[in-house]
Amino acid sequence: MTNTHRLFTIPYMAPTSEKVLQYRGRLEGMRNRLLKEIADLQKPEQFGDETADPEDEEADEAEEFGNRLAVAQTKKEELAEVELALSKIQNGTYGICEPCGGQIAKQILDVAPESTRCEACKRTR
């Protein structure tokens, strides 16, 4: 069966319940990894060089911490996508494109199980 979305080129193959369980396992692993990375990034790093100028050291630490918080924010956004996908598995709407309501191809979910858009909607984004 092929999705009738006008720009859709990948034939739709509905994920089996076994495949959805595999996606859930991958998503849970991604969630755990992201939670750890976020926690690690939010800890200030101690440079510990006692011979350096304290003002320079504080400036370096502040800059590094700011950079780490920016990366943590990106990881939090990724985590939100993963959490959304897990909630969709729970409520039975996993694999449905948010903008058009069509099905997200198995090939897309295999690469990025947190996807919320079909191929056509990704192109028109």
PDB file of N, CA and C in Angstrom:
ATOM      1  N   MET A   1       0.848  -1.161   0.000  1.00  0.00           N
ATOM      2  CA  MET A   1       0.000   0.000   0.000  1.00  0.00           C
ATOM      3  C   MET A   1       0.899   1.231   0.000  1.00  0.00           C
ATOM      4  N   THR A   2       0.585   2.214  -0.799  1.00  0.00           N
ATOM      5  CA  THR A   2       1.354   3.438  -0.878  1.00  0.00           C
ATOM      6  C   THR A   2       0.528   4.578  -0.325  1.00  0.00           C
ATOM      7  N   ASN A   3       1.129   5.416   0.479  1.00  0.00           N
ATOM      8  CA  ASN A   3       0.470   6.593   1.026  1.00  0.00           C
ATOM      9  C   ASN A   3       0.113   7.506  -0.132  1.00  0.00           C
ATOM     10  N   THR A   4      -1.021   8.156  -0.083  1.00  0.00           N
ATOM     11  CA  THR A   4      -1.481   8.990  -1.187  1.00  0.00           C
ATOM     12  C   THR A   4      -1.067  10.445  -1.033  1.00  0.00           C
ATOM     13  N   HIS A   5      -0.270  10.772  -0.048  1.00  0.00           N
ATOM     14  CA  HIS A   5       0.225  12.132   0.129  1.00  0.00           C
ATOM     15  C   HIS A   5       0.952  12.512  -1.146  1.00  0.00           C
ATOM     16  N   ARG A   6       0.716  13.663  -1.695  1.00  0.00           N
ATOM     17  CA  ARG A   6       1.176  14.027  -3.028  1.00  0.00           C
ATOM     18  C   ARG A   6       2.692  13.963  -3.231  1.00  0.00           C
ATOM     19  N   LEU A   7       3.491  14.184  -2.198  1.00  0.00           N
ATOM     20  CA  LEU A   7       4.939  14.156  -2.358  1.00  0.00           C
ATOM     21  C   LEU A   7       5.566  12.886  -1.797  1.00  0.00           C
ATOM     22  N   PHE A   8       4.767  11.974  -1.324  1.00  0.00           N
ATOM     23  CA  PHE A   8       5.258  10.787  -0.637  1.00  0.00           C
ATOM     24  C   PHE A   8       5.861   9.809  -1.630  1.00  0.00           C
ATOM     25  N   THR A   9       7.110   9.374  -1.377  1.00  0.00           N
ATOM     26  CA  THR A   9       7.750   8.440  -2.300  1.00  0.00           C
ATOM     27  C   THR A   9       8.098   7.099  -1.667  1.00  0.00           C
ATOM     28  N   ILE A  10       8.169   7.035  -0.350  1.00  0.00           N
ATOM     29  CA  ILE A  10       8.489   5.770   0.310  1.00  0.00           C
ATOM     30  C   ILE A  10       7.193   5.007   0.545  1.00  0.00           C
ATOM     31  N   PRO A  11       7.103   3.755   0.074  1.00  0.00           N
ATOM     32  CA  PRO A  11       5.880   2.995   0.336  1.00  0.00           C
ATOM     33  C   PRO A  11       5.708   2.778   1.833  1.00  0.00           C
ATOM     34  N   TYR A  12       4.492   2.922   2.288  1.00  0.00           N
ATOM     35  CA  TYR A  12       4.224   2.790   3.719  1.00  0.00           C
ATOM     36  C   TYR A  12       4.121   1.329   4.089  1.00  0.00           C
ATOM     37  N   MET A  13       4.835   0.970   5.146  1.00  0.00           N
ATOM     38  CA  MET A  13       4.733  -0.367   5.727  1.00  0.00           C
ATOM     39  C   MET A  13       4.479  -0.150   7.213  1.00  0.00           C
ATOM     40  N   ALA A  14       3.300  -0.498   7.662  1.00  0.00           N
ATOM     41  CA  ALA A  14       2.945  -0.297   9.068  1.00  0.00           C
ATOM     42  C   ALA A  14       3.875  -1.108   9.952  1.00  0.00           C
ATOM     43  N   PRO A  15       4.394  -0.482  11.017  1.00  0.00           N
ATOM     44  CA  PRO A  15       5.244  -1.260  11.923  1.00  0.00           C
ATOM     45  C   PRO A  15       4.416  -2.293  12.676  1.00  0.00           C
ATOM     46  N   THR A  16       4.957  -3.479  12.789  1.00  0.00           N
ATOM     47  CA  THR A  16       4.287  -4.532  13.551  1.00  0.00           C
ATOM     48  C   THR A  16       4.414  -4.209  15.035  1.00  0.00           C
ATOM     49  N   SER A  17       3.611  -4.888  15.848  1.00  0.00           N
ATOM     50  CA  SER A  17       3.702  -4.644  17.288  1.00  0.00           C
ATOM     51  C   SER A  17       5.089  -5.022  17.799  1.00  0.00           C
ATOM     52  N   GLU A  18       5.710  -6.032  17.197  1.00  0.00           N
ATOM     53  CA  GLU A  18       7.078  -6.405  17.574  1.00  0.00           C
ATOM     54  C   GLU A  18       8.043  -5.266  17.234  1.00  0.00           C
ATOM     55  N   LYS A  19       7.846  -4.661  16.079  1.00  0.00           N
ATOM     56  CA  LYS A  19       8.697  -3.551  15.655  1.00  0.00           C
ATOM     57  C   LYS A  19       8.486  -2.343  16.576  1.00  0.00           C
ATOM     58  N   VAL A  20       7.262  -2.079  16.975  1.00  0.00           N
ATOM     59  CA  VAL A  20       6.982  -0.975  17.895  1.00  0.00           C
ATOM     60  C   VAL A  20       7.692  -1.214  19.222  1.00  0.00           C
ATOM     61  N   LEU A  21       7.730  -2.463  19.674  1.00  0.00           N
ATOM     62  CA  LEU A  21       8.468  -2.789  20.903  1.00  0.00           C
ATOM     63  C   LEU A  21       9.958  -2.502  20.725  1.00  0.00           C
ATOM     64  N   GLN A  22      10.486  -2.784  19.540  1.00  0.00           N
ATOM     65  CA  GLN A  22      11.889  -2.476  19.263  1.00  0.00           C
ATOM     66  C   GLN A  22      12.115  -0.960  19.292  1.00  0.00           C
ATOM     67  N   TYR A  23      11.207  -0.211  18.668  1.00  0.00           N
ATOM     68  CA  TYR A  23      11.318   1.249  18.688  1.00  0.00           C
ATOM     69  C   TYR A  23      11.274   1.751  20.133  1.00  0.00           C
ATOM     70  N   ARG A  24      10.360   1.201  20.927  1.00  0.00           N
ATOM     71  CA  ARG A  24      10.237   1.624  22.325  1.00  0.00           C
ATOM     72  C   ARG A  24      11.543   1.368  23.070  1.00  0.00           C
ATOM     73  N   GLY A  25      12.139   0.205  22.840  1.00  0.00           N
ATOM     74  CA  GLY A  25      13.415  -0.104  23.484  1.00  0.00           C
ATOM     75  C   GLY A  25      14.510   0.874  23.086  1.00  0.00           C
ATOM     76  N   ARG A  26      14.575   1.199  21.810  1.00  0.00           N
ATOM     77  CA  ARG A  26      15.571   2.178  21.349  1.00  0.00           C
ATOM     78  C   ARG A  26      15.301   3.547  21.957  1.00  0.00           C
ATOM     79  N   LEU A  27      14.030   3.942  21.973  1.00  0.00           N
ATOM     80  CA  LEU A  27      13.667   5.250  22.528  1.00  0.00           C
ATOM     81  C   LEU A  27      13.978   5.319  24.021  1.00  0.00           C
ATOM     82  N   GLU A  28      13.716   4.250  24.750  1.00  0.00           N
ATOM     83  CA  GLU A  28      14.029   4.238  26.182  1.00  0.00           C
ATOM     84  C   GLU A  28      15.538   4.336  26.403  1.00  0.00           C
ATOM     85  N   GLY A  29      16.314   3.667  25.571  1.00  0.00           N
ATOM     86  CA  GLY A  29      17.768   3.778  25.645  1.00  0.00           C
ATOM     87  C   GLY A  29      18.243   5.193  25.349  1.00  0.00           C
ATOM     88  N   MET A  30      17.629   5.806  24.332  1.00  0.00           N
ATOM     89  CA  MET A  30      17.962   7.191  23.997  1.00  0.00           C
ATOM     90  C   MET A  30      17.623   8.114  25.169  1.00  0.00           C
ATOM     91  N   ARG A  31      16.456   7.884  25.784  1.00  0.00           N
ATOM     92  CA  ARG A  31      16.036   8.717  26.921  1.00  0.00           C
ATOM     93  C   ARG A  31      17.041   8.606  28.062  1.00  0.00           C
ATOM     94  N   ASN A  32      17.452   7.395  28.399  1.00  0.00           N
ATOM     95  CA  ASN A  32      18.403   7.198  29.488  1.00  0.00           C
ATOM     96  C   ASN A  32      19.739   7.874  29.187  1.00  0.00           C
ATOM     97  N   ARG A  33      20.214   7.734  27.954  1.00  0.00           N
ATOM     98  CA  ARG A  33      21.483   8.346  27.555  1.00  0.00           C
ATOM     99  C   ARG A  33      21.385   9.870  27.637  1.00  0.00           C
ATOM    100  N   LEU A  34      20.285  10.430  27.124  1.00  0.00           N
ATOM    101  CA  LEU A  34      20.109  11.883  27.146  1.00  0.00           C
ATOM    102  C   LEU A  34      20.005  12.421  28.569  1.00  0.00           C
ATOM    103  N   LEU A  35      19.290  11.717  29.438  1.00  0.00           N
ATOM    104  CA  LEU A  35      19.179  12.158  30.836  1.00  0.00           C
ATOM    105  C   LEU A  35      20.549  12.216  31.496  1.00  0.00           C
ATOM    106  N   LYS A  36      21.377  11.213  31.239  1.00  0.00           N
ATOM    107  CA  LYS A  36      22.729  11.199  31.808  1.00  0.00           C
ATOM    108  C   LYS A  36      23.562  12.336  31.227  1.00  0.00           C
ATOM    109  N   GLU A  37      23.507  12.520  29.914  1.00  0.00           N
ATOM    110  CA  GLU A  37      24.283  13.585  29.279  1.00  0.00           C
ATOM    111  C   GLU A  37      23.864  14.954  29.807  1.00  0.00           C
ATOM    112  N   ILE A  38      22.570  15.171  29.971  1.00  0.00           N
ATOM    113  CA  ILE A  38      22.069  16.455  30.479  1.00  0.00           C
ATOM    114  C   ILE A  38      22.576  16.689  31.900  1.00  0.00           C
ATOM    115  N   ALA A  39      22.486  15.663  32.738  1.00  0.00           N
ATOM    116  CA  ALA A  39      22.954  15.800  34.125  1.00  0.00           C
ATOM    117  C   ALA A  39      24.449  16.126  34.155  1.00  0.00           C
ATOM    118  N   ASP A  40      25.227  15.444  33.321  1.00  0.00           N
ATOM    119  CA  ASP A  40      26.665  15.702  33.282  1.00  0.00           C
ATOM    120  C   ASP A  40      26.979  17.109  32.788  1.00  0.00           C
ATOM    121  N   LEU A  41      26.235  17.577  31.795  1.00  0.00           N
ATOM    122  CA  LEU A  41      26.478  18.903  31.229  1.00  0.00           C
ATOM    123  C   LEU A  41      26.093  20.029  32.188  1.00  0.00           C
ATOM    124  N   GLN A  42      25.172  19.772  33.076  1.00  0.00           N
ATOM    125  CA  GLN A  42      24.710  20.819  33.976  1.00  0.00           C
ATOM    126  C   GLN A  42      25.595  20.980  35.212  1.00  0.00           C
ATOM    127  N   LYS A  43      26.575  20.098  35.365  1.00  0.00           N
ATOM    128  CA  LYS A  43      27.513  20.211  36.483  1.00  0.00           C
ATOM    129  C   LYS A  43      28.635  21.158  36.068  1.00  0.00           C
ATOM    130  N   PRO A  44      28.919  22.156  36.897  1.00  0.00           N
ATOM    131  CA  PRO A  44      30.048  23.029  36.553  1.00  0.00           C
ATOM    132  C   PRO A  44      31.351  22.246  36.623  1.00  0.00           C
ATOM    133  N   GLU A  45      32.230  22.523  35.690  1.00  0.00           N
ATOM    134  CA  GLU A  45      33.509  21.837  35.636  1.00  0.00           C
ATOM    135  C   GLU A  45      34.525  22.628  36.438  1.00  0.00           C
ATOM    136  N   GLN A  46      35.342  21.944  37.203  1.00  0.00           N
ATOM    137  CA  GLN A  46      36.401  22.591  37.964  1.00  0.00           C
ATOM    138  C   GLN A  46      37.699  22.477  37.172  1.00  0.00           C
ATOM    139  N   PHE A  47      38.278  23.619  36.848  1.00  0.00           N
ATOM    140  CA  PHE A  47      39.534  23.606  36.107  1.00  0.00           C
ATOM    141  C   PHE A  47      40.687  23.234  37.024  1.00  0.00           C
ATOM    142  N   GLY A  48      40.696  23.751  38.264  1.00  0.00           N
ATOM    143  CA  GLY A  48      41.643  23.319  39.283  1.00  0.00           C
ATOM    144  C   GLY A  48      43.077  23.740  39.104  1.00  0.00           C
ATOM    145  N   ASP A  49      43.374  24.663  38.220  1.00  0.00           N
ATOM    146  CA  ASP A  49      44.745  25.123  38.049  1.00  0.00           C
ATOM    147  C   ASP A  49      45.012  26.238  39.055  1.00  0.00           C
ATOM    148  N   GLU A  50      45.724  25.909  40.096  1.00  0.00           N
ATOM    149  CA  GLU A  50      45.955  26.863  41.171  1.00  0.00           C
ATOM    150  C   GLU A  50      46.991  27.909  40.808  1.00  0.00           C
ATOM    151  N   THR A  51      47.766  27.690  39.755  1.00  0.00           N
ATOM    152  CA  THR A  51      48.792  28.652  39.374  1.00  0.00           C
ATOM    153  C   THR A  51      48.251  29.728  38.447  1.00  0.00           C
ATOM    154  N   ALA A  52      47.082  29.523  37.881  1.00  0.00           N
ATOM    155  CA  ALA A  52      46.501  30.492  36.950  1.00  0.00           C
ATOM    156  C   ALA A  52      45.918  31.675  37.706  1.00  0.00           C
ATOM    157  N   ASP A  53      45.730  32.749  36.987  1.00  0.00           N
ATOM    158  CA  ASP A  53      45.101  33.949  37.535  1.00  0.00           C
ATOM    159  C   ASP A  53      43.652  33.608  37.880  1.00  0.00           C
ATOM    160  N   PRO A  54      43.222  33.829  39.123  1.00  0.00           N
ATOM    161  CA  PRO A  54      41.854  33.463  39.529  1.00  0.00           C
ATOM    162  C   PRO A  54      40.772  34.127  38.679  1.00  0.00           C
ATOM    163  N   GLU A  55      40.985  35.361  38.254  1.00  0.00           N
ATOM    164  CA  GLU A  55      39.984  36.035  37.418  1.00  0.00           C
ATOM    165  C   GLU A  55      39.872  35.370  36.057  1.00  0.00           C
ATOM    166  N   ASP A  56      41.026  35.024  35.472  1.00  0.00           N
ATOM    167  CA  ASP A  56      41.004  34.320  34.177  1.00  0.00           C
ATOM    168  C   ASP A  56      40.335  32.962  34.310  1.00  0.00           C
ATOM    169  N   GLU A  57      40.653  32.285  35.405  1.00  0.00           N
ATOM    170  CA  GLU A  57      40.075  30.961  35.635  1.00  0.00           C
ATOM    171  C   GLU A  57      38.562  31.049  35.782  1.00  0.00           C
ATOM    172  N   GLU A  58      38.087  32.035  36.525  1.00  0.00           N
ATOM    173  CA  GLU A  58      36.643  32.209  36.699  1.00  0.00           C
ATOM    174  C   GLU A  58      35.968  32.530  35.374  1.00  0.00           C
ATOM    175  N   ALA A  59      36.599  33.361  34.558  1.00  0.00           N
ATOM    176  CA  ALA A  59      36.035  33.699  33.249  1.00  0.00           C
ATOM    177  C   ALA A  59      35.970  32.464  32.360  1.00  0.00           C
ATOM    178  N   ASP A  60      37.054  31.660  32.393  1.00  0.00           N
ATOM    179  CA  ASP A  60      37.071  30.429  31.596  1.00  0.00           C
ATOM    180  C   ASP A  60      35.988  29.462  32.059  1.00  0.00           C
ATOM    181  N   GLU A  61      35.857  29.326  33.380  1.00  0.00           N
ATOM    182  CA  GLU A  61      34.839  28.430  33.928  1.00  0.00           C
ATOM    183  C   GLU A  61      33.443  28.899  33.557  1.00  0.00           C
ATOM    184  N   ALA A  62      33.209  30.212  33.630  1.00  0.00           N
ATOM    185  CA  ALA A  62      31.883  30.746  33.292  1.00  0.00           C
ATOM    186  C   ALA A  62      31.572  30.519  31.813  1.00  0.00           C
ATOM    187  N   GLU A  63      32.563  30.749  30.958  1.00  0.00           N
ATOM    188  CA  GLU A  63      32.353  30.538  29.526  1.00  0.00           C
ATOM    189  C   GLU A  63      32.088  29.063  29.222  1.00  0.00           C
ATOM    190  N   GLU A  64      32.882  28.190  29.801  1.00  0.00           N
ATOM    191  CA  GLU A  64      32.706  26.755  29.588  1.00  0.00           C
ATOM    192  C   GLU A  64      31.346  26.286  30.098  1.00  0.00           C
ATOM    193  N   PHE A  65      30.946  26.773  31.258  1.00  0.00           N
ATOM    194  CA  PHE A  65      29.650  26.393  31.817  1.00  0.00           C
ATOM    195  C   PHE A  65      28.514  26.877  30.922  1.00  0.00           C
ATOM    196  N   GLY A  66      28.634  28.101  30.394  1.00  0.00           N
ATOM    197  CA  GLY A  66      27.626  28.615  29.461  1.00  0.00           C
ATOM    198  C   GLY A  66      27.526  27.750  28.218  1.00  0.00           C
ATOM    199  N   ASN A  67      28.665  27.325  27.698  1.00  0.00           N
ATOM    200  CA  ASN A  67      28.675  26.442  26.524  1.00  0.00           C
ATOM    201  C   ASN A  67      28.020  25.104  26.840  1.00  0.00           C
ATOM    202  N   ARG A  68      28.329  24.576  28.017  1.00  0.00           N
ATOM    203  CA  ARG A  68      27.758  23.291  28.423  1.00  0.00           C
ATOM    204  C   ARG A  68      26.239  23.401  28.591  1.00  0.00           C
ATOM    205  N   LEU A  69      25.762  24.528  29.127  1.00  0.00           N
ATOM    206  CA  LEU A  69      24.317  24.714  29.287  1.00  0.00           C
ATOM    207  C   LEU A  69      23.619  24.808  27.932  1.00  0.00           C
ATOM    208  N   ALA A  70      24.286  25.427  26.951  1.00  0.00           N
ATOM    209  CA  ALA A  70      23.701  25.504  25.607  1.00  0.00           C
ATOM    210  C   ALA A  70      23.564  24.109  24.999  1.00  0.00           C
ATOM    211  N   VAL A  71      24.582  23.281  25.170  1.00  0.00           N
ATOM    212  CA  VAL A  71      24.519  21.905  24.670  1.00  0.00           C
ATOM    213  C   VAL A  71      23.435  21.138  25.422  1.00  0.00           C
ATOM    214  N   ALA A  72      23.347  21.365  26.741  1.00  0.00           N
ATOM    215  CA  ALA A  72      22.317  20.697  27.541  1.00  0.00           C
ATOM    216  C   ALA A  72      20.923  21.060  27.052  1.00  0.00           C
ATOM    217  N   GLN A  73      20.729  22.317  26.638  1.00  0.00           N
ATOM    218  CA  GLN A  73      19.421  22.745  26.138  1.00  0.00           C
ATOM    219  C   GLN A  73      19.058  21.970  24.867  1.00  0.00           C
ATOM    220  N   THR A  74      20.028  21.786  23.988  1.00  0.00           N
ATOM    221  CA  THR A  74      19.795  20.999  22.772  1.00  0.00           C
ATOM    222  C   THR A  74      19.439  19.562  23.127  1.00  0.00           C
ATOM    223  N   LYS A  75      20.134  19.013  24.101  1.00  0.00           N
ATOM    224  CA  LYS A  75      19.847  17.644  24.545  1.00  0.00           C
ATOM    225  C   LYS A  75      18.448  17.558  25.159  1.00  0.00           C
ATOM    226  N   LYS A  76      18.016  18.616  25.869  1.00  0.00           N
ATOM    227  CA  LYS A  76      16.665  18.637  26.448  1.00  0.00           C
ATOM    228  C   LYS A  76      15.611  18.640  25.347  1.00  0.00           C
ATOM    229  N   GLU A  77      15.882  19.337  24.257  1.00  0.00           N
ATOM    230  CA  GLU A  77      14.948  19.338  23.125  1.00  0.00           C
ATOM    231  C   GLU A  77      14.866  17.951  22.498  1.00  0.00           C
ATOM    232  N   GLU A  78      16.014  17.291  22.355  1.00  0.00           N
ATOM    233  CA  GLU A  78      16.021  15.915  21.847  1.00  0.00           C
ATOM    234  C   GLU A  78      15.237  15.004  22.788  1.00  0.00           C
ATOM    235  N   LEU A  79      15.435  15.190  24.089  1.00  0.00           N
ATOM    236  CA  LEU A  79      14.725  14.385  25.086  1.00  0.00           C
ATOM    237  C   LEU A  79      13.217  14.586  24.971  1.00  0.00           C
ATOM    238  N   ALA A  80      12.780  15.809  24.739  1.00  0.00           N
ATOM    239  CA  ALA A  80      11.347  16.081  24.584  1.00  0.00           C
ATOM    240  C   ALA A  80      10.778  15.314  23.392  1.00  0.00           C
ATOM    241  N   GLU A  81      11.532  15.239  22.290  1.00  0.00           N
ATOM    242  CA  GLU A  81      11.086  14.487  21.116  1.00  0.00           C
ATOM    243  C   GLU A  81      10.972  12.989  21.441  1.00  0.00           C
ATOM    244  N   VAL A  82      11.935  12.482  22.172  1.00  0.00           N
ATOM    245  CA  VAL A  82      11.928  11.064  22.565  1.00  0.00           C
ATOM    246  C   VAL A  82      10.749  10.787  23.493  1.00  0.00           C
ATOM    247  N   GLU A  83      10.536  11.661  24.467  1.00  0.00           N
ATOM    248  CA  GLU A  83       9.413  11.500  25.403  1.00  0.00           C
ATOM    249  C   GLU A  83       8.079  11.535  24.658  1.00  0.00           C
ATOM    250  N   LEU A  84       7.968  12.422  23.677  1.00  0.00           N
ATOM    251  CA  LEU A  84       6.741  12.501  22.891  1.00  0.00           C
ATOM    252  C   LEU A  84       6.499  11.195  22.139  1.00  0.00           C
ATOM    253  N   ALA A  85       7.547  10.658  21.537  1.00  0.00           N
ATOM    254  CA  ALA A  85       7.410   9.393  20.806  1.00  0.00           C
ATOM    255  C   ALA A  85       6.988   8.268  21.749  1.00  0.00           C
ATOM    256  N   LEU A  86       7.579   8.223  22.938  1.00  0.00           N
ATOM    257  CA  LEU A  86       7.197   7.191  23.909  1.00  0.00           C
ATOM    258  C   LEU A  86       5.745   7.351  24.344  1.00  0.00           C
ATOM    259  N   SER A  87       5.280   8.582  24.506  1.00  0.00           N
ATOM    260  CA  SER A  87       3.877   8.776  24.890  1.00  0.00           C
ATOM    261  C   SER A  87       2.946   8.371  23.749  1.00  0.00           C
ATOM    262  N   LYS A  88       3.391   8.576  22.503  1.00  0.00           N
ATOM    263  CA  LYS A  88       2.571   8.151  21.356  1.00  0.00           C
ATOM    264  C   LYS A  88       2.481   6.631  21.271  1.00  0.00           C
ATOM    265  N   ILE A  89       3.556   5.956  21.620  1.00  0.00           N
ATOM    266  CA  ILE A  89       3.501   4.488  21.666  1.00  0.00           C
ATOM    267  C   ILE A  89       2.467   4.080  22.709  1.00  0.00           C
ATOM    268  N   GLN A  90       2.514   4.735  23.857  1.00  0.00           N
ATOM    269  CA  GLN A  90       1.595   4.420  24.958  1.00  0.00           C
ATOM    270  C   GLN A  90       0.134   4.632  24.562  1.00  0.00           C
ATOM    271  N   ASN A  91      -0.146   5.735  23.831  1.00  0.00           N
ATOM    272  CA  ASN A  91      -1.549   6.031  23.513  1.00  0.00           C
ATOM    273  C   ASN A  91      -1.984   5.535  22.140  1.00  0.00           C
ATOM    274  N   GLY A  92      -1.108   4.799  21.445  1.00  0.00           N
ATOM    275  CA  GLY A  92      -1.502   4.177  20.181  1.00  0.00           C
ATOM    276  C   GLY A  92      -1.440   5.079  18.962  1.00  0.00           C
ATOM    277  N   THR A  93      -0.766   6.215  19.042  1.00  0.00           N
ATOM    278  CA  THR A  93      -0.682   7.115  17.888  1.00  0.00           C
ATOM    279  C   THR A  93       0.727   7.179  17.311  1.00  0.00           C
ATOM    280  N   TYR A  94       1.582   6.264  17.707  1.00  0.00           N
ATOM    281  CA  TYR A  94       2.959   6.256  17.215  1.00  0.00           C
ATOM    282  C   TYR A  94       2.982   5.971  15.721  1.00  0.00           C
ATOM    283  N   GLY A  95       3.819   6.712  14.988  1.00  0.00           N
ATOM    284  CA  GLY A  95       3.970   6.502  13.550  1.00  0.00           C
ATOM    285  C   GLY A  95       2.996   7.301  12.714  1.00  0.00           C
ATOM    286  N   ILE A  96       2.219   8.178  13.347  1.00  0.00           N
ATOM    287  CA  ILE A  96       1.275   9.024  12.613  1.00  0.00           C
ATOM    288  C   ILE A  96       1.882  10.420  12.500  1.00  0.00           C
ATOM    289  N   CYS A  97       1.925  10.948  11.292  1.00  0.00           N
ATOM    290  CA  CYS A  97       2.498  12.263  11.009  1.00  0.00           C
ATOM    291  C   CYS A  97       1.646  13.347  11.665  1.00  0.00           C
ATOM    292  N   GLU A  98       2.275  14.212  12.444  1.00  0.00           N
ATOM    293  CA  GLU A  98       1.531  15.264  13.143  1.00  0.00           C
ATOM    294  C   GLU A  98       0.870  16.264  12.186  1.00  0.00           C
ATOM    295  N   PRO A  99       1.583  16.783  11.177  1.00  0.00           N
ATOM    296  CA  PRO A  99       0.931  17.773  10.316  1.00  0.00           C
ATOM    297  C   PRO A  99      -0.185  17.230   9.422  1.00  0.00           C
ATOM    298  N   CYS A 100       0.035  16.065   8.787  1.00  0.00           N
ATOM    299  CA  CYS A 100      -0.947  15.613   7.793  1.00  0.00           C
ATOM    300  C   CYS A 100      -1.801  14.435   8.245  1.00  0.00           C
ATOM    301  N   GLY A 101      -1.414  13.765   9.327  1.00  0.00           N
ATOM    302  CA  GLY A 101      -2.179  12.619   9.810  1.00  0.00           C
ATOM    303  C   GLY A 101      -1.904  11.339   9.057  1.00  0.00           C
ATOM    304  N   GLY A 102      -0.988  11.388   8.089  1.00  0.00           N
ATOM    305  CA  GLY A 102      -0.607  10.181   7.357  1.00  0.00           C
ATOM    306  C   GLY A 102       0.328   9.320   8.183  1.00  0.00           C
ATOM    307  N   GLN A 103       0.735   8.232   7.603  1.00  0.00           N
ATOM    308  CA  GLN A 103       1.629   7.300   8.294  1.00  0.00           C
ATOM    309  C   GLN A 103       3.085   7.662   8.013  1.00  0.00           C
ATOM    310  N   ILE A 104       3.916   7.545   9.023  1.00  0.00           N
ATOM    311  CA  ILE A 104       5.354   7.728   8.862  1.00  0.00           C
ATOM    312  C   ILE A 104       5.927   6.380   8.448  1.00  0.00           C
ATOM    313  N   ALA A 105       6.670   6.371   7.354  1.00  0.00           N
ATOM    314  CA  ALA A 105       7.213   5.126   6.815  1.00  0.00           C
ATOM    315  C   ALA A 105       8.153   4.446   7.809  1.00  0.00           C
ATOM    316  N   LYS A 106       8.107   3.142   7.817  1.00  0.00           N
ATOM    317  CA  LYS A 106       8.961   2.329   8.674  1.00  0.00           C
ATOM    318  C   LYS A 106      10.425   2.683   8.447  1.00  0.00           C
ATOM    319  N   GLN A 107      10.809   2.969   7.217  1.00  0.00           N
ATOM    320  CA  GLN A 107      12.192   3.303   6.905  1.00  0.00           C
ATOM    321  C   GLN A 107      12.637   4.567   7.640  1.00  0.00           C
ATOM    322  N   ILE A 108      11.735   5.516   7.816  1.00  0.00           N
ATOM    323  CA  ILE A 108      12.056   6.743   8.554  1.00  0.00           C
ATOM    324  C   ILE A 108      12.174   6.426  10.035  1.00  0.00           C
ATOM    325  N   LEU A 109      11.229   5.667  10.555  1.00  0.00           N
ATOM    326  CA  LEU A 109      11.254   5.315  11.976  1.00  0.00           C
ATOM    327  C   LEU A 109      12.462   4.444  12.314  1.00  0.00           C
ATOM    328  N   ASP A 110      12.910   3.629  11.360  1.00  0.00           N
ATOM    329  CA  ASP A 110      14.102   2.814  11.591  1.00  0.00           C
ATOM    330  C   ASP A 110      15.331   3.687  11.821  1.00  0.00           C
ATOM    331  N   VAL A 111      15.403   4.808  11.109  1.00  0.00           N
ATOM    332  CA  VAL A 111      16.542   5.717  11.228  1.00  0.00           C
ATOM    333  C   VAL A 111      16.379   6.646  12.430  1.00  0.00           C
ATOM    334  N   ALA A 112      15.168   7.169  12.597  1.00  0.00           N
ATOM    335  CA  ALA A 112      14.906   8.138  13.672  1.00  0.00           C
ATOM    336  C   ALA A 112      13.570   7.807  14.321  1.00  0.00           C
ATOM    337  N   PRO A 113      13.565   6.920  15.325  1.00  0.00           N
ATOM    338  CA  PRO A 113      12.293   6.488  15.914  1.00  0.00           C
ATOM    339  C   PRO A 113      11.520   7.611  16.604  1.00  0.00           C
ATOM    340  N   GLU A 114      12.140   8.752  16.824  1.00  0.00           N
ATOM    341  CA  GLU A 114      11.447   9.880  17.441  1.00  0.00           C
ATOM    342  C   GLU A 114      10.753  10.777  16.409  1.00  0.00           C
ATOM    343  N   SER A 115      10.790  10.397  15.136  1.00  0.00           N
ATOM    344  CA  SER A 115      10.196  11.213  14.067  1.00  0.00           C
ATOM    345  C   SER A 115       8.707  11.457  14.283  1.00  0.00           C
ATOM    346  N   THR A 116       8.288  12.679  13.955  1.00  0.00           N
ATOM    347  CA  THR A 116       6.869  13.041  14.063  1.00  0.00           C
ATOM    348  C   THR A 116       6.301  13.484  12.722  1.00  0.00           C
ATOM    349  N   ARG A 117       7.101  13.395  11.671  1.00  0.00           N
ATOM    350  CA  ARG A 117       6.668  13.828  10.337  1.00  0.00           C
ATOM    351  C   ARG A 117       6.986  12.766   9.291  1.00  0.00           C
ATOM    352  N   CYS A 118       6.102  12.658   8.312  1.00  0.00           N
ATOM    353  CA  CYS A 118       6.350  11.769   7.175  1.00  0.00           C
ATOM    354  C   CYS A 118       7.372  12.439   6.252  1.00  0.00           C
ATOM    355  N   GLU A 119       7.823  11.717   5.259  1.00  0.00           N
ATOM    356  CA  GLU A 119       8.843  12.241   4.341  1.00  0.00           C
ATOM    357  C   GLU A 119       8.373  13.530   3.654  1.00  0.00           C
ATOM    358  N   ALA A 120       7.152  13.549   3.176  1.00  0.00           N
ATOM    359  CA  ALA A 120       6.645  14.724   2.472  1.00  0.00           C
ATOM    360  C   ALA A 120       6.575  15.947   3.370  1.00  0.00           C
ATOM    361  N   CYS A 121       6.107  15.761   4.579  1.00  0.00           N
ATOM    362  CA  CYS A 121       5.991  16.894   5.519  1.00  0.00           C
ATOM    363  C   CYS A 121       7.375  17.375   5.955  1.00  0.00           C
ATOM    364  N   LYS A 122       8.347  16.475   6.032  1.00  0.00           N
ATOM    365  CA  LYS A 122       9.703  16.889   6.353  1.00  0.00           C
ATOM    366  C   LYS A 122      10.260  17.773   5.243  1.00  0.00           C
ATOM    367  N   ARG A 123       9.929  17.451   4.004  1.00  0.00           N
ATOM    368  CA  ARG A 123      10.413  18.234   2.872  1.00  0.00           C
ATOM    369  C   ARG A 123       9.765  19.611   2.805  1.00  0.00           C
ATOM    370  N   THR A 124       8.511  19.700   3.207  1.00  0.00           N
ATOM    371  CA  THR A 124       7.802  20.975   3.093  1.00  0.00           C
ATOM    372  C   THR A 124       7.915  21.829   4.341  1.00  0.00           C
ATOM    373  N   ARG A 125       8.598  21.367   5.322  1.00  0.00           N
ATOM    374  CA  ARG A 125       8.786  22.066   6.605  1.00  0.00           C
ATOM    375  C   ARG A 125       9.415  23.397   6.450  1.00  0.00           C
TER     376      ARG A 125
END
